[in-house]
Amino acid sequence: MTGGAGYIGSHTVPHLNAAGHVVVVVDDLSAGHRAALASDVPLEAVALDDAESLGSVVEAVRPHAVVHFAGSIEAGESMTDPARFYRNNITNALHLVDALVAAAPATGPVPIVFSSSAAVYGEPETVPIAETAPTRPTNVYGETKLVFERILAAYDRAYGLRSISLRYFNACGAAADASNGDAHPNQTHLITLALLAALGRRPDIKVFGTDYPTPDGTCIRDYIHVDDLATAHVVALDALAGGAPTGAYNVGLGKGFSVLEVLDAVGRVTGVDVARVLEDRRAGDPAALVADSSRIRAELGWRPDYTDLDRIVATAHRWHTRNPHGFQ
């Protein structure tokens, strides 16, 4: 698993282990945390830009499957520093699939589950968004995810490397026991930022855009709990082990919440009315992104456990309250 010490990856490791998989994490810890992993989880501290070392790890481990989380994720930053996103999300990811092809057994390369994004859709024509919707990213982050999905499809046609791309909507929440949560060094997640403000660690929360064509004028997003994302990876790996073809699946609740609705939920959970600063829209932010996740439900049997926004926020609140400085 690449990027397995990061937010979503580290939540996915215990779910995979519980399902009978033995996970080896490859992570250079530039954004991840060793403390997010159980002490008995093997960690190879290798960066994906080091193609030689990565190839050596693949040769030594001989995985039966790969889950690829590693990459740059800040959509706003992708518009100001596109070079980093192209390097991390495309060039370095090519090192991974090339290593899998080079080390392939006689039966062909092992399959891969790719951490993609709803950002591949851009500004949708209809909401909720199905996998058949046009893919027209409005930011470099989404573009890099879409390009790598296309690379995976080409590698399947040419080399037999099967893959499932999971198009996440907005990841959020924390482990129910507050043992793990969002500790990314450069916070961009709305729920996390709002909770940090409620806990007095930020002065306010910025609301980017209040003139969108939505009921309250703010962006609407589909918030999916990180543990529900984790179980999506388990069912995707099971499907590939059963011979499933290359494809893509949306992973979301199928309902959306506006920025103001999220801030109201944070207020209900914490009892704190966070100060709000109204700002102009950010470039590349679609008005609404809500998943049609009926395909992964029907074909892979996935179901989200966390469907109530307040319950999702409460898990994150427990994590940030008990771990005010993350894993430090």
C-alpha atoms as a PDB file:
ATOM      1  CA  MET A   1       0.000   0.000   0.000  1.00  0.00           C
ATOM      2  CA  THR A   2       1.455   3.363  -1.000  1.00  0.00           C
ATOM      3  CA  GLY A   3       0.679   6.353   1.179  1.00  0.00           C
ATOM      4  CA  GLY A   4      -0.577   4.021   3.876  1.00  0.00           C
ATOM      5  CA  ALA A   5       0.534   6.282   6.736  1.00  0.00           C
ATOM      6  CA  GLY A   6      -1.709   9.086   5.497  1.00  0.00           C
ATOM      7  CA  TYR A   7      -5.253   9.914   6.558  1.00  0.00           C
ATOM      8  CA  ILE A   8      -7.311   7.522   4.443  1.00  0.00           C
ATOM      9  CA  GLY A   9      -4.575   4.928   4.026  1.00  0.00           C
ATOM     10  CA  SER A  10      -3.955   4.501   7.748  1.00  0.00           C
ATOM     11  CA  HIS A  11      -7.686   4.041   8.356  1.00  0.00           C
ATOM     12  CA  THR A  12      -7.805   1.427   5.603  1.00  0.00           C
ATOM     13  CA  VAL A  13      -4.947  -0.721   6.971  1.00  0.00           C
ATOM     14  CA  PRO A  14      -6.885  -2.193   9.942  1.00  0.00           C
ATOM     15  CA  HIS A  15      -9.911  -2.907   7.749  1.00  0.00           C
ATOM     16  CA  LEU A  16      -7.713  -4.812   5.299  1.00  0.00           C
ATOM     17  CA  ASN A  17      -6.001  -6.708   8.100  1.00  0.00           C
ATOM     18  CA  ALA A  18      -9.381  -7.620   9.585  1.00  0.00           C
ATOM     19  CA  ALA A  19     -10.399  -8.966   6.177  1.00  0.00           C
ATOM     20  CA  GLY A  20      -7.391 -11.314   6.145  1.00  0.00           C
ATOM     21  CA  HIS A  21      -4.910  -9.253   4.129  1.00  0.00           C
ATOM     22  CA  VAL A  22      -1.320  -8.708   5.271  1.00  0.00           C
ATOM     23  CA  VAL A  23      -0.483  -5.075   4.573  1.00  0.00           C
ATOM     24  CA  VAL A  24       2.954  -3.634   3.854  1.00  0.00           C
ATOM     25  CA  VAL A  25       2.970   0.173   3.776  1.00  0.00           C
ATOM     26  CA  VAL A  26       5.221   2.197   1.462  1.00  0.00           C
ATOM     27  CA  ASP A  27       5.297   5.824   2.615  1.00  0.00           C
ATOM     28  CA  ASP A  28       8.042   8.440   2.778  1.00  0.00           C
ATOM     29  CA  LEU A  29       6.221  10.099   5.727  1.00  0.00           C
ATOM     30  CA  SER A  30       6.305  13.506   4.051  1.00  0.00           C
ATOM     31  CA  ALA A  31       2.615  13.860   4.925  1.00  0.00           C
ATOM     32  CA  GLY A  32       1.857  10.603   6.748  1.00  0.00           C
ATOM     33  CA  HIS A  33       2.598   9.538  10.302  1.00  0.00           C
ATOM     34  CA  ARG A  34       4.192   6.343  11.594  1.00  0.00           C
ATOM     35  CA  ALA A  35       2.076   6.716  14.723  1.00  0.00           C
ATOM     36  CA  ALA A  36      -1.078   6.377  12.607  1.00  0.00           C
ATOM     37  CA  LEU A  37      -0.145   2.733  12.056  1.00  0.00           C
ATOM     38  CA  ALA A  38      -0.083  -0.112  14.541  1.00  0.00           C
ATOM     39  CA  SER A  39       3.458  -0.948  15.629  1.00  0.00           C
ATOM     40  CA  ASP A  40       3.344  -4.336  13.909  1.00  0.00           C
ATOM     41  CA  VAL A  41       2.467  -2.921  10.461  1.00  0.00           C
ATOM     42  CA  PRO A  42       5.580  -3.126   8.237  1.00  0.00           C
ATOM     43  CA  LEU A  43       6.634   0.245   6.826  1.00  0.00           C
ATOM     44  CA  GLU A  44       9.022   0.805   3.928  1.00  0.00           C
ATOM     45  CA  ALA A  45      10.097   4.472   4.059  1.00  0.00           C
ATOM     46  CA  VAL A  46      10.481   4.885   0.300  1.00  0.00           C
ATOM     47  CA  ALA A  47       9.409   7.803  -1.877  1.00  0.00           C
ATOM     48  CA  LEU A  48       7.750   7.015  -5.192  1.00  0.00           C
ATOM     49  CA  ASP A  49      10.129   9.336  -7.022  1.00  0.00           C
ATOM     50  CA  ASP A  50      12.881   6.836  -6.166  1.00  0.00           C
ATOM     51  CA  ALA A  51      12.027   4.351  -8.897  1.00  0.00           C
ATOM     52  CA  GLU A  52      14.952   2.044  -8.143  1.00  0.00           C
ATOM     53  CA  SER A  53      14.148   1.669  -4.442  1.00  0.00           C
ATOM     54  CA  LEU A  54      10.450   1.288  -5.200  1.00  0.00           C
ATOM     55  CA  GLY A  55      11.207  -1.473  -7.668  1.00  0.00           C
ATOM     56  CA  SER A  56      13.331  -3.227  -5.060  1.00  0.00           C
ATOM     57  CA  VAL A  57      10.454  -3.111  -2.553  1.00  0.00           C
ATOM     58  CA  VAL A  58       8.033  -4.580  -5.095  1.00  0.00           C
ATOM     59  CA  GLU A  59      10.530  -7.333  -5.922  1.00  0.00           C
ATOM     60  CA  ALA A  60      11.060  -8.138  -2.242  1.00  0.00           C
ATOM     61  CA  VAL A  61       7.430  -7.999  -1.103  1.00  0.00           C
ATOM     62  CA  ARG A  62       5.866  -9.632  -4.183  1.00  0.00           C
ATOM     63  CA  PRO A  63       2.392  -8.257  -3.351  1.00  0.00           C
ATOM     64  CA  HIS A  64      -0.792 -10.012  -4.404  1.00  0.00           C
ATOM     65  CA  ALA A  65      -2.448  -6.618  -4.923  1.00  0.00           C
ATOM     66  CA  VAL A  66      -1.682  -2.920  -4.429  1.00  0.00           C
ATOM     67  CA  VAL A  67      -3.666  -0.004  -3.038  1.00  0.00           C
ATOM     68  CA  HIS A  68      -2.291   3.321  -4.252  1.00  0.00           C
ATOM     69  CA  PHE A  69      -3.001   6.299  -1.969  1.00  0.00           C
ATOM     70  CA  ALA A  70       0.207   8.322  -2.302  1.00  0.00           C
ATOM     71  CA  GLY A  71      -0.070  11.706  -3.996  1.00  0.00           C
ATOM     72  CA  SER A  72      -0.716  15.415  -3.599  1.00  0.00           C
ATOM     73  CA  ILE A  73      -4.295  16.251  -2.647  1.00  0.00           C
ATOM     74  CA  GLU A  74      -4.819  20.010  -2.159  1.00  0.00           C
ATOM     75  CA  ALA A  75      -7.010  21.099  -5.064  1.00  0.00           C
ATOM     76  CA  GLY A  76      -6.443  24.804  -4.488  1.00  0.00           C
ATOM     77  CA  GLU A  77      -2.676  24.410  -4.353  1.00  0.00           C
ATOM     78  CA  SER A  78      -2.759  22.401  -7.578  1.00  0.00           C
ATOM     79  CA  MET A  79      -3.691  25.613  -9.380  1.00  0.00           C
ATOM     80  CA  THR A  80      -0.691  27.534  -8.030  1.00  0.00           C
ATOM     81  CA  ASP A  81       1.907  24.741  -8.047  1.00  0.00           C
ATOM     82  CA  PRO A  82       0.863  22.400 -10.860  1.00  0.00           C
ATOM     83  CA  ALA A  83       4.386  21.031 -11.366  1.00  0.00           C
ATOM     84  CA  ARG A  84       4.331  19.289  -7.975  1.00  0.00           C
ATOM     85  CA  PHE A  85       0.987  17.680  -8.743  1.00  0.00           C
ATOM     86  CA  TYR A  86       2.056  16.408 -12.158  1.00  0.00           C
ATOM     87  CA  ARG A  87       5.235  14.951 -10.653  1.00  0.00           C
ATOM     88  CA  ASN A  88       3.624  13.332  -7.612  1.00  0.00           C
ATOM     89  CA  ASN A  89       0.342  12.185  -9.099  1.00  0.00           C
ATOM     90  CA  ILE A  90       1.470  11.112 -12.571  1.00  0.00           C
ATOM     91  CA  THR A  91       5.250  10.745 -12.955  1.00  0.00           C
ATOM     92  CA  ASN A  92       5.771   9.069  -9.566  1.00  0.00           C
ATOM     93  CA  ALA A  93       2.660   6.933  -9.977  1.00  0.00           C
ATOM     94  CA  LEU A  94       4.088   5.678 -13.281  1.00  0.00           C
ATOM     95  CA  HIS A  95       7.089   4.409 -11.324  1.00  0.00           C
ATOM     96  CA  LEU A  96       4.686   2.256  -9.319  1.00  0.00           C
ATOM     97  CA  VAL A  97       2.821   0.668 -12.218  1.00  0.00           C
ATOM     98  CA  ASP A  98       6.060   0.189 -14.143  1.00  0.00           C
ATOM     99  CA  ALA A  99       7.467  -1.674 -11.144  1.00  0.00           C
ATOM    100  CA  LEU A 100       4.343  -3.858 -10.998  1.00  0.00           C
ATOM    101  CA  VAL A 101       4.640  -4.689 -14.696  1.00  0.00           C
ATOM    102  CA  ALA A 102       8.377  -5.390 -14.400  1.00  0.00           C
ATOM    103  CA  ALA A 103       7.856  -7.742 -11.442  1.00  0.00           C
ATOM    104  CA  ALA A 104       4.746  -9.403 -12.855  1.00  0.00           C
ATOM    105  CA  PRO A 105       4.430 -13.172 -12.419  1.00  0.00           C
ATOM    106  CA  ALA A 106       3.529 -15.397 -15.357  1.00  0.00           C
ATOM    107  CA  THR A 107      -0.156 -14.769 -14.696  1.00  0.00           C
ATOM    108  CA  GLY A 108       0.280 -11.041 -15.274  1.00  0.00           C
ATOM    109  CA  PRO A 109       0.669  -7.940 -13.091  1.00  0.00           C
ATOM    110  CA  VAL A 110      -1.095  -7.885  -9.741  1.00  0.00           C
ATOM    111  CA  PRO A 111      -4.216  -5.674  -9.633  1.00  0.00           C
ATOM    112  CA  ILE A 112      -4.323  -2.193  -8.156  1.00  0.00           C
ATOM    113  CA  VAL A 113      -6.956  -0.105  -6.374  1.00  0.00           C
ATOM    114  CA  PHE A 114      -6.390   3.581  -7.088  1.00  0.00           C
ATOM    115  CA  SER A 115      -7.347   6.476  -4.834  1.00  0.00           C
ATOM    116  CA  SER A 116      -9.057   8.729  -7.365  1.00  0.00           C
ATOM    117  CA  SER A 117     -11.433  11.635  -6.808  1.00  0.00           C
ATOM    118  CA  ALA A 118     -14.768  13.168  -7.699  1.00  0.00           C
ATOM    119  CA  ALA A 119     -12.654  16.082  -8.924  1.00  0.00           C
ATOM    120  CA  VAL A 120     -12.375  14.203 -12.244  1.00  0.00           C
ATOM    121  CA  TYR A 121     -15.916  15.367 -13.064  1.00  0.00           C
ATOM    122  CA  GLY A 122     -15.377  19.100 -12.705  1.00  0.00           C
ATOM    123  CA  GLU A 123     -18.581  21.130 -12.858  1.00  0.00           C
ATOM    124  CA  PRO A 124     -21.261  18.439 -13.283  1.00  0.00           C
ATOM    125  CA  GLU A 125     -24.155  18.731 -15.698  1.00  0.00           C
ATOM    126  CA  THR A 126     -26.476  16.837 -13.358  1.00  0.00           C
ATOM    127  CA  VAL A 127     -26.432  15.988  -9.652  1.00  0.00           C
ATOM    128  CA  PRO A 128     -26.066  13.356  -8.262  1.00  0.00           C
ATOM    129  CA  ILE A 129     -23.136  12.377 -10.466  1.00  0.00           C
ATOM    130  CA  ALA A 130     -22.936   8.919 -12.028  1.00  0.00           C
ATOM    131  CA  GLU A 131     -19.741   7.287 -13.307  1.00  0.00           C
ATOM    132  CA  THR A 132     -21.025   7.848 -16.855  1.00  0.00           C
ATOM    133  CA  ALA A 133     -21.002  11.642 -16.411  1.00  0.00           C
ATOM    134  CA  PRO A 134     -18.558  13.678 -18.522  1.00  0.00           C
ATOM    135  CA  THR A 135     -15.104  14.047 -16.987  1.00  0.00           C
ATOM    136  CA  ARG A 136     -14.003  17.675 -17.301  1.00  0.00           C
ATOM    137  CA  PRO A 137     -11.825  18.608 -14.312  1.00  0.00           C
ATOM    138  CA  THR A 138     -11.722  22.251 -13.295  1.00  0.00           C
ATOM    139  CA  ASN A 139      -8.442  22.019 -11.381  1.00  0.00           C
ATOM    140  CA  VAL A 140      -5.053  20.417 -11.895  1.00  0.00           C
ATOM    141  CA  TYR A 141      -5.619  17.976  -9.023  1.00  0.00           C
ATOM    142  CA  GLY A 142      -8.667  16.506 -10.748  1.00  0.00           C
ATOM    143  CA  GLU A 143      -6.841  16.463 -14.058  1.00  0.00           C
ATOM    144  CA  THR A 144      -3.970  14.416 -12.613  1.00  0.00           C
ATOM    145  CA  LYS A 145      -6.414  11.899 -11.155  1.00  0.00           C
ATOM    146  CA  LEU A 146      -8.192  11.530 -14.492  1.00  0.00           C
ATOM    147  CA  VAL A 147      -4.928  11.181 -16.403  1.00  0.00           C
ATOM    148  CA  PHE A 148      -3.788   8.381 -14.119  1.00  0.00           C
ATOM    149  CA  GLU A 149      -7.132   6.598 -14.481  1.00  0.00           C
ATOM    150  CA  ARG A 150      -6.523   6.683 -18.242  1.00  0.00           C
ATOM    151  CA  ILE A 151      -2.978   5.408 -17.747  1.00  0.00           C
ATOM    152  CA  LEU A 152      -4.364   2.484 -15.754  1.00  0.00           C
ATOM    153  CA  ALA A 153      -6.833   1.674 -18.518  1.00  0.00           C
ATOM    154  CA  ALA A 154      -3.995   1.733 -21.066  1.00  0.00           C
ATOM    155  CA  TYR A 155      -1.809  -0.489 -18.869  1.00  0.00           C
ATOM    156  CA  ASP A 156      -4.636  -2.985 -18.659  1.00  0.00           C
ATOM    157  CA  ARG A 157      -5.004  -3.088 -22.451  1.00  0.00           C
ATOM    158  CA  ALA A 158      -1.257  -3.350 -23.024  1.00  0.00           C
ATOM    159  CA  TYR A 159       0.004  -5.346 -20.038  1.00  0.00           C
ATOM    160  CA  GLY A 160      -3.029  -6.867 -18.337  1.00  0.00           C
ATOM    161  CA  LEU A 161      -2.797  -4.712 -15.200  1.00  0.00           C
ATOM    162  CA  ARG A 162      -6.385  -4.636 -13.904  1.00  0.00           C
ATOM    163  CA  SER A 163      -7.494  -1.798 -11.653  1.00  0.00           C
ATOM    164  CA  ILE A 164     -10.410  -0.241  -9.843  1.00  0.00           C
ATOM    165  CA  SER A 165     -10.389   3.528  -9.387  1.00  0.00           C
ATOM    166  CA  LEU A 166     -12.413   4.761  -6.424  1.00  0.00           C
ATOM    167  CA  ARG A 167     -13.661   8.283  -7.013  1.00  0.00           C
ATOM    168  CA  TYR A 168     -13.932   9.698  -3.503  1.00  0.00           C
ATOM    169  CA  PHE A 169     -16.159  12.528  -2.603  1.00  0.00           C
ATOM    170  CA  ASN A 170     -15.257  14.492   0.571  1.00  0.00           C
ATOM    171  CA  ALA A 171     -13.387  12.311   3.075  1.00  0.00           C
ATOM    172  CA  CYS A 172     -14.040  13.203   6.694  1.00  0.00           C
ATOM    173  CA  GLY A 173     -14.394  11.884  10.234  1.00  0.00           C
ATOM    174  CA  ALA A 174     -12.131   9.819  12.469  1.00  0.00           C
ATOM    175  CA  ALA A 175     -11.914   6.404  14.078  1.00  0.00           C
ATOM    176  CA  ALA A 176     -14.770   5.788  16.513  1.00  0.00           C
ATOM    177  CA  ASP A 177     -12.324   5.242  19.393  1.00  0.00           C
ATOM    178  CA  ALA A 178     -10.403   8.441  18.563  1.00  0.00           C
ATOM    179  CA  SER A 179      -7.247   6.423  17.882  1.00  0.00           C
ATOM    180  CA  ASN A 180      -6.780   7.905  14.419  1.00  0.00           C
ATOM    181  CA  GLY A 181      -7.954  10.984  12.573  1.00  0.00           C
ATOM    182  CA  ASP A 182      -7.120  13.795  10.199  1.00  0.00           C
ATOM    183  CA  ALA A 183      -3.619  15.032  11.036  1.00  0.00           C
ATOM    184  CA  HIS A 184      -2.544  16.338   7.639  1.00  0.00           C
ATOM    185  CA  PRO A 185       0.085  19.070   8.062  1.00  0.00           C
ATOM    186  CA  ASN A 186      -1.645  21.431   5.602  1.00  0.00           C
ATOM    187  CA  GLN A 187      -5.303  21.238   6.539  1.00  0.00           C
ATOM    188  CA  THR A 188      -7.848  21.803   3.772  1.00  0.00           C
ATOM    189  CA  HIS A 189     -10.821  19.711   4.945  1.00  0.00           C
ATOM    190  CA  LEU A 190     -13.788  21.872   5.929  1.00  0.00           C
ATOM    191  CA  ILE A 191     -14.924  19.794   8.914  1.00  0.00           C
ATOM    192  CA  THR A 192     -11.385  19.670  10.307  1.00  0.00           C
ATOM    193  CA  LEU A 193     -10.848  23.409   9.868  1.00  0.00           C
ATOM    194  CA  ALA A 194     -14.195  24.205  11.489  1.00  0.00           C
ATOM    195  CA  LEU A 195     -13.468  21.932  14.464  1.00  0.00           C
ATOM    196  CA  LEU A 196     -10.052  23.483  14.960  1.00  0.00           C
ATOM    197  CA  ALA A 197     -11.765  26.884  15.066  1.00  0.00           C
ATOM    198  CA  ALA A 198     -14.330  25.581  17.559  1.00  0.00           C
ATOM    199  CA  LEU A 199     -11.480  24.305  19.743  1.00  0.00           C
ATOM    200  CA  GLY A 200      -9.780  27.720  19.676  1.00  0.00           C
ATOM    201  CA  ARG A 201      -6.887  26.683  17.459  1.00  0.00           C
ATOM    202  CA  ARG A 202      -7.986  28.925  14.580  1.00  0.00           C
ATOM    203  CA  PRO A 203      -9.612  32.364  14.814  1.00  0.00           C
ATOM    204  CA  ASP A 204     -12.369  31.673  12.295  1.00  0.00           C
ATOM    205  CA  ILE A 205     -13.452  29.675   9.268  1.00  0.00           C
ATOM    206  CA  LYS A 206     -13.386  31.106   5.768  1.00  0.00           C
ATOM    207  CA  VAL A 207     -16.423  30.521   3.555  1.00  0.00           C
ATOM    208  CA  PHE A 208     -15.314  30.695  -0.065  1.00  0.00           C
ATOM    209  CA  GLY A 209     -18.235  31.839  -2.162  1.00  0.00           C
ATOM    210  CA  THR A 210     -21.777  32.677  -1.066  1.00  0.00           C
ATOM    211  CA  ASP A 211     -23.276  33.250  -4.513  1.00  0.00           C
ATOM    212  CA  TYR A 212     -23.362  29.716  -5.908  1.00  0.00           C
ATOM    213  CA  PRO A 213     -26.644  28.449  -7.442  1.00  0.00           C
ATOM    214  CA  THR A 214     -27.435  26.442  -4.287  1.00  0.00           C
ATOM    215  CA  PRO A 215     -30.165  26.931  -1.645  1.00  0.00           C
ATOM    216  CA  ASP A 216     -27.943  28.960   0.707  1.00  0.00           C
ATOM    217  CA  GLY A 217     -25.382  30.165  -1.851  1.00  0.00           C
ATOM    218  CA  THR A 218     -22.499  28.022  -0.585  1.00  0.00           C
ATOM    219  CA  CYS A 219     -20.894  24.941  -2.139  1.00  0.00           C
ATOM    220  CA  ILE A 220     -22.519  21.561  -1.578  1.00  0.00           C
ATOM    221  CA  ARG A 221     -20.408  18.462  -1.051  1.00  0.00           C
ATOM    222  CA  ASP A 222     -20.982  14.784  -0.326  1.00  0.00           C
ATOM    223  CA  TYR A 223     -19.212  13.976   2.968  1.00  0.00           C
ATOM    224  CA  ILE A 224     -18.125  10.340   3.284  1.00  0.00           C
ATOM    225  CA  HIS A 225     -16.672   8.968   6.521  1.00  0.00           C
ATOM    226  CA  VAL A 226     -13.092   7.741   6.278  1.00  0.00           C
ATOM    227  CA  ASP A 227     -13.998   4.288   7.637  1.00  0.00           C
ATOM    228  CA  ASP A 228     -16.627   3.912   4.917  1.00  0.00           C
ATOM    229  CA  LEU A 229     -13.963   4.801   2.353  1.00  0.00           C
ATOM    230  CA  ALA A 230     -11.764   2.131   3.928  1.00  0.00           C
ATOM    231  CA  THR A 231     -14.395  -0.584   3.484  1.00  0.00           C
ATOM    232  CA  ALA A 232     -14.785   0.452  -0.150  1.00  0.00           C
ATOM    233  CA  HIS A 233     -11.141  -0.516  -0.676  1.00  0.00           C
ATOM    234  CA  VAL A 234     -11.739  -3.905   0.902  1.00  0.00           C
ATOM    235  CA  VAL A 235     -14.646  -4.728  -1.427  1.00  0.00           C
ATOM    236  CA  ALA A 236     -12.709  -3.385  -4.426  1.00  0.00           C
ATOM    237  CA  LEU A 237      -9.759  -5.680  -3.676  1.00  0.00           C
ATOM    238  CA  ASP A 238     -12.132  -8.601  -3.218  1.00  0.00           C
ATOM    239  CA  ALA A 239     -13.711  -7.817  -6.580  1.00  0.00           C
ATOM    240  CA  LEU A 240     -10.338  -7.717  -8.351  1.00  0.00           C
ATOM    241  CA  ALA A 241      -9.341 -10.999  -6.685  1.00  0.00           C
ATOM    242  CA  GLY A 242     -12.516 -12.471  -8.154  1.00  0.00           C
ATOM    243  CA  GLY A 243     -11.559 -11.355 -11.652  1.00  0.00           C
ATOM    244  CA  ALA A 244     -13.401  -8.008 -11.883  1.00  0.00           C
ATOM    245  CA  PRO A 245     -12.439  -5.892 -14.905  1.00  0.00           C
ATOM    246  CA  THR A 246     -10.854  -2.462 -14.818  1.00  0.00           C
ATOM    247  CA  GLY A 247     -13.362   0.218 -13.908  1.00  0.00           C
ATOM    248  CA  ALA A 248     -14.246   3.180 -11.721  1.00  0.00           C
ATOM    249  CA  TYR A 249     -16.711   3.592  -8.864  1.00  0.00           C
ATOM    250  CA  ASN A 250     -18.024   6.614  -7.016  1.00  0.00           C
ATOM    251  CA  VAL A 251     -17.771   6.423  -3.231  1.00  0.00           C
ATOM    252  CA  GLY A 252     -20.118   8.817  -1.450  1.00  0.00           C
ATOM    253  CA  LEU A 253     -23.263   9.043   0.636  1.00  0.00           C
ATOM    254  CA  GLY A 254     -25.462  10.092  -2.260  1.00  0.00           C
ATOM    255  CA  LYS A 255     -26.573  13.259  -0.462  1.00  0.00           C
ATOM    256  CA  GLY A 256     -24.865  16.582  -0.007  1.00  0.00           C
ATOM    257  CA  PHE A 257     -24.453  19.266   2.628  1.00  0.00           C
ATOM    258  CA  SER A 258     -23.607  22.916   2.075  1.00  0.00           C
ATOM    259  CA  VAL A 259     -20.725  24.716   3.746  1.00  0.00           C
ATOM    260  CA  LEU A 260     -23.150  26.478   6.053  1.00  0.00           C
ATOM    261  CA  GLU A 261     -24.900  23.217   6.923  1.00  0.00           C
ATOM    262  CA  VAL A 262     -21.546  21.712   7.903  1.00  0.00           C
ATOM    263  CA  LEU A 263     -20.757  24.712  10.094  1.00  0.00           C
ATOM    264  CA  ASP A 264     -24.177  24.397  11.729  1.00  0.00           C
ATOM    265  CA  ALA A 265     -23.448  20.702  12.438  1.00  0.00           C
ATOM    266  CA  VAL A 266     -20.111  21.631  14.008  1.00  0.00           C
ATOM    267  CA  GLY A 267     -21.966  24.123  16.180  1.00  0.00           C
ATOM    268  CA  ARG A 268     -24.464  21.498  17.339  1.00  0.00           C
ATOM    269  CA  VAL A 269     -21.745  18.969  18.173  1.00  0.00           C
ATOM    270  CA  THR A 270     -19.334  21.359  19.907  1.00  0.00           C
ATOM    271  CA  GLY A 271     -21.686  23.979  21.298  1.00  0.00           C
ATOM    272  CA  VAL A 272     -19.494  26.670  19.720  1.00  0.00           C
ATOM    273  CA  ASP A 273     -20.668  29.092  17.034  1.00  0.00           C
ATOM    274  CA  VAL A 274     -17.547  29.413  14.893  1.00  0.00           C
ATOM    275  CA  ALA A 275     -16.803  32.857  13.461  1.00  0.00           C
ATOM    276  CA  ARG A 276     -17.311  32.911   9.699  1.00  0.00           C
ATOM    277  CA  VAL A 277     -15.406  35.088   7.238  1.00  0.00           C
ATOM    278  CA  LEU A 278     -17.017  35.395   3.827  1.00  0.00           C
ATOM    279  CA  GLU A 279     -14.577  35.297   0.921  1.00  0.00           C
ATOM    280  CA  ASP A 280     -14.785  35.240  -2.867  1.00  0.00           C
ATOM    281  CA  ARG A 281     -15.066  31.937  -4.699  1.00  0.00           C
ATOM    282  CA  ARG A 282     -11.905  29.906  -5.225  1.00  0.00           C
ATOM    283  CA  ALA A 283     -10.900  29.052  -8.778  1.00  0.00           C
ATOM    284  CA  GLY A 284     -11.936  25.541  -9.782  1.00  0.00           C
ATOM    285  CA  ASP A 285     -14.588  24.970  -7.078  1.00  0.00           C
ATOM    286  CA  PRO A 286     -17.781  23.443  -8.556  1.00  0.00           C
ATOM    287  CA  ALA A 287     -21.093  24.464  -6.989  1.00  0.00           C
ATOM    288  CA  ALA A 288     -22.190  20.944  -6.076  1.00  0.00           C
ATOM    289  CA  LEU A 289     -20.556  17.514  -6.013  1.00  0.00           C
ATOM    290  CA  VAL A 290     -22.835  14.705  -4.851  1.00  0.00           C
ATOM    291  CA  ALA A 291     -22.295  11.043  -5.652  1.00  0.00           C
ATOM    292  CA  ASP A 292     -24.529   8.569  -7.342  1.00  0.00           C
ATOM    293  CA  SER A 293     -22.980   5.582  -5.578  1.00  0.00           C
ATOM    294  CA  SER A 294     -25.587   3.065  -6.726  1.00  0.00           C
ATOM    295  CA  ARG A 295     -23.080   1.206  -8.883  1.00  0.00           C
ATOM    296  CA  ILE A 296     -20.650   0.264  -6.088  1.00  0.00           C
ATOM    297  CA  ARG A 297     -23.607  -0.677  -3.910  1.00  0.00           C
ATOM    298  CA  ALA A 298     -25.128  -2.923  -6.557  1.00  0.00           C
ATOM    299  CA  GLU A 299     -21.969  -4.485  -8.022  1.00  0.00           C
ATOM    300  CA  LEU A 300     -19.650  -4.721  -4.994  1.00  0.00           C
ATOM    301  CA  GLY A 301     -22.163  -4.763  -2.129  1.00  0.00           C
ATOM    302  CA  TRP A 302     -20.670  -1.718  -0.399  1.00  0.00           C
ATOM    303  CA  ARG A 303     -22.796   0.201   2.110  1.00  0.00           C
ATOM    304  CA  PRO A 304     -21.813   3.261   4.184  1.00  0.00           C
ATOM    305  CA  ASP A 305     -22.245   2.983   7.930  1.00  0.00           C
ATOM    306  CA  TYR A 306     -22.011   6.705   8.699  1.00  0.00           C
ATOM    307  CA  THR A 307     -24.964   8.451   7.068  1.00  0.00           C
ATOM    308  CA  ASP A 308     -25.703  11.205   9.624  1.00  0.00           C
ATOM    309  CA  LEU A 309     -23.638  14.408   9.399  1.00  0.00           C
ATOM    310  CA  ASP A 310     -23.671  15.101  13.137  1.00  0.00           C
ATOM    311  CA  ARG A 311     -22.426  11.576  13.860  1.00  0.00           C
ATOM    312  CA  ILE A 312     -19.605  12.043  11.354  1.00  0.00           C
ATOM    313  CA  VAL A 313     -18.631  15.388  12.883  1.00  0.00           C
ATOM    314  CA  ALA A 314     -18.759  13.880  16.378  1.00  0.00           C
ATOM    315  CA  THR A 315     -16.091  11.290  15.507  1.00  0.00           C
ATOM    316  CA  ALA A 316     -13.788  14.034  14.226  1.00  0.00           C
ATOM    317  CA  HIS A 317     -14.527  16.164  17.292  1.00  0.00           C
ATOM    318  CA  ARG A 318     -13.480  13.353  19.647  1.00  0.00           C
ATOM    319  CA  TRP A 319     -10.244  12.876  17.728  1.00  0.00           C
ATOM    320  CA  HIS A 320      -9.273  16.566  17.727  1.00  0.00           C
ATOM    321  CA  THR A 321     -10.291  17.018  21.372  1.00  0.00           C
ATOM    322  CA  ARG A 322      -8.192  14.085  22.563  1.00  0.00           C
ATOM    323  CA  ASN A 323      -5.332  14.740  20.146  1.00  0.00           C
ATOM    324  CA  PRO A 324      -5.036  18.544  19.894  1.00  0.00           C
ATOM    325  CA  HIS A 325      -1.689  18.320  18.121  1.00  0.00           C
ATOM    326  CA  GLY A 326      -2.416  15.264  16.021  1.00  0.00           C
ATOM    327  CA  PHE A 327       0.278  12.603  16.329  1.00  0.00           C
ATOM    328  CA  GLN A 328       2.951  14.996  17.606  1.00  0.00           C
END
